[in-house]
Amino acid sequence: MHLTTTFIVLSLAGFLNAGYLTYKHYQKKPLVCPINHDCNAVTNTKWGKMFGIRNEILGVFFYFGMLGSVIVSMILPEFEDKIKIFILIGLSIGLLFSALLTLIQKYIIKNFCFYCLISAGISLLLFINAIFLYNII
């Protein structure tokens, strides 16, 4: 149960982080970057959207989907195997997406967004947590 709780906390943290970025964008308020970089320069580039949707909105749906999936698997254990596959595929895609965006920040934009790095870290931790939660290794 400890790993499930950790998964829920990480999903909530990711949801709140992405929600904060979404809120700031639609309130047209600048982001304050605690690592002395320009978060706005990163989030407002052409890379701030994928598939025509802002990355932070994709993040809100991603983390909400992970949170909802693990809660459903707790409530309806008969679907746990199918939900486990959904979670592992979703986390794999999310982790690759985060890695791609982090590389874009480093090599193309040459600037970092603190909140984007937090999201990438949460994605990595969720992935590692899921490996242990579902006894993959």
Protein backbone atom coordinates (compact mmCIF):
# COMPACT_ATOMS: atom_id res chain seq x y z
CA MET A 1 0.00 0.00 0.00
CA HIS A 2 2.98 2.31 0.58
CA LEU A 3 3.88 2.31 -3.14
CA THR A 4 0.27 3.06 -4.08
CA THR A 5 0.21 6.01 -1.68
CA THR A 6 3.47 7.29 -3.17
CA PHE A 7 1.98 6.95 -6.66
CA ILE A 8 -1.08 8.96 -5.60
CA VAL A 9 1.03 11.69 -3.97
CA LEU A 10 3.30 11.98 -7.02
CA SER A 11 0.30 12.11 -9.38
CA LEU A 12 -1.27 14.85 -7.26
CA ALA A 13 1.99 16.79 -7.19
CA GLY A 14 2.27 16.57 -10.98
CA PHE A 15 -1.37 17.59 -11.39
CA LEU A 16 -0.88 20.62 -9.12
CA ASN A 17 2.34 21.63 -10.91
CA ALA A 18 0.73 21.41 -14.36
CA GLY A 19 -2.40 23.11 -13.02
CA TYR A 20 -0.31 25.97 -11.66
CA LEU A 21 1.36 26.46 -15.05
CA THR A 22 -2.04 26.40 -16.76
CA TYR A 23 -3.46 28.91 -14.28
CA LYS A 24 -0.53 31.29 -14.72
CA HIS A 25 -0.78 31.08 -18.50
CA TYR A 26 -4.48 31.87 -18.67
CA GLN A 27 -4.21 34.61 -16.05
CA LYS A 28 -1.43 36.05 -18.21
CA LYS A 29 0.81 36.27 -15.15
CA PRO A 30 4.56 35.77 -15.55
CA LEU A 31 6.20 32.76 -13.99
CA VAL A 32 8.87 33.38 -11.38
CA CYS A 33 11.71 30.94 -11.89
CA PRO A 34 13.59 30.07 -8.69
CA ILE A 35 16.61 28.70 -10.61
CA ASN A 36 17.49 32.04 -12.24
CA HIS A 37 16.22 31.12 -15.71
CA ASP A 38 13.31 32.43 -17.74
CA CYS A 39 10.41 29.99 -17.45
CA ASN A 40 8.27 32.22 -19.66
CA ALA A 41 10.85 32.06 -22.43
CA VAL A 42 10.55 28.27 -22.34
CA THR A 43 6.78 27.91 -22.03
CA ASN A 44 6.03 30.52 -24.71
CA THR A 45 8.20 29.04 -27.46
CA LYS A 46 6.82 26.96 -30.31
CA TRP A 47 7.77 23.96 -28.16
CA GLY A 48 5.22 25.06 -25.52
CA LYS A 49 2.57 23.24 -27.54
CA MET A 50 2.46 19.73 -28.89
CA PHE A 51 -0.34 18.56 -31.16
CA GLY A 52 -1.81 22.07 -30.94
CA ILE A 53 -2.33 21.76 -27.17
CA ARG A 54 -0.28 23.57 -24.53
CA ASN A 55 2.08 21.18 -22.74
CA GLU A 56 0.80 22.13 -19.30
CA ILE A 57 -2.75 21.14 -20.32
CA LEU A 58 -1.40 17.82 -21.60
CA GLY A 59 0.29 17.49 -18.20
CA VAL A 60 -2.96 18.14 -16.32
CA PHE A 61 -4.69 15.36 -18.28
CA PHE A 62 -1.70 13.03 -17.97
CA TYR A 63 -1.37 13.31 -14.19
CA PHE A 64 -5.14 13.23 -13.69
CA GLY A 65 -5.27 10.09 -15.83
CA MET A 66 -2.55 8.42 -13.77
CA LEU A 67 -4.24 9.40 -10.51
CA GLY A 68 -7.66 8.26 -11.68
CA SER A 69 -6.30 4.98 -13.03
CA VAL A 70 -4.60 3.93 -9.82
CA ILE A 71 -7.68 4.87 -7.78
CA VAL A 72 -9.94 2.86 -10.10
CA SER A 73 -7.59 -0.13 -9.79
CA MET A 74 -7.94 0.09 -6.00
CA ILE A 75 -11.74 0.32 -6.14
CA LEU A 76 -12.17 -2.28 -8.89
CA PRO A 77 -9.32 -4.78 -8.44
CA GLU A 78 -10.76 -7.04 -11.16
CA PHE A 79 -9.55 -4.45 -13.70
CA GLU A 80 -6.09 -4.06 -12.17
CA ASP A 81 -4.29 -6.00 -14.92
CA LYS A 82 -5.77 -3.87 -17.71
CA ILE A 83 -5.22 -0.67 -15.76
CA LYS A 84 -1.63 -1.69 -15.01
CA ILE A 85 -0.93 -1.96 -18.75
CA PHE A 86 -2.58 1.43 -19.36
CA ILE A 87 -0.51 3.03 -16.57
CA LEU A 88 2.78 1.52 -17.77
CA ILE A 89 2.18 2.54 -21.39
CA GLY A 90 1.06 6.02 -20.30
CA LEU A 91 4.06 6.49 -18.05
CA SER A 92 6.45 5.29 -20.76
CA ILE A 93 5.02 7.83 -23.20
CA GLY A 94 5.00 10.55 -20.51
CA LEU A 95 8.61 9.85 -19.55
CA LEU A 96 9.78 9.93 -23.18
CA PHE A 97 7.84 13.16 -23.75
CA SER A 98 9.40 14.73 -20.65
CA ALA A 99 12.87 13.62 -21.72
CA LEU A 100 12.32 15.11 -25.19
CA LEU A 101 11.14 18.42 -23.74
CA THR A 102 14.09 18.54 -21.33
CA LEU A 103 16.52 17.96 -24.21
CA ILE A 104 14.76 20.69 -26.21
CA GLN A 105 15.23 23.07 -23.25
CA LYS A 106 18.92 22.24 -23.03
CA TYR A 107 19.95 22.11 -26.68
CA ILE A 108 17.43 24.15 -28.66
CA ILE A 109 15.94 26.78 -26.34
CA LYS A 110 19.10 26.90 -24.19
CA ASN A 111 17.01 27.90 -21.20
CA PHE A 112 15.24 25.94 -18.48
CA CYS A 113 11.83 26.11 -16.86
CA PHE A 114 11.89 25.09 -13.20
CA TYR A 115 8.30 23.84 -13.30
CA CYS A 116 8.95 21.83 -16.46
CA LEU A 117 11.96 20.19 -14.80
CA ILE A 118 9.81 19.42 -11.75
CA SER A 119 7.27 17.76 -14.04
CA ALA A 120 9.99 15.70 -15.74
CA GLY A 121 11.28 14.60 -12.33
CA ILE A 122 7.80 13.62 -11.19
CA SER A 123 7.30 11.62 -14.40
CA LEU A 124 10.56 9.77 -13.75
CA LEU A 125 9.63 9.07 -10.12
CA LEU A 126 6.16 7.86 -11.15
CA PHE A 127 7.72 5.51 -13.70
CA ILE A 128 10.17 4.08 -11.14
CA ASN A 129 7.38 3.79 -8.58
CA ALA A 130 5.17 1.91 -11.06
CA ILE A 131 7.98 -0.56 -11.82
CA PHE A 132 8.10 -1.50 -8.14
CA LEU A 133 4.34 -1.19 -7.60
CA TYR A 134 3.63 -3.68 -10.36
CA ASN A 135 6.70 -5.91 -9.76
CA ILE A 136 8.14 -5.34 -13.24
CA ILE A 137 11.70 -6.09 -12.11
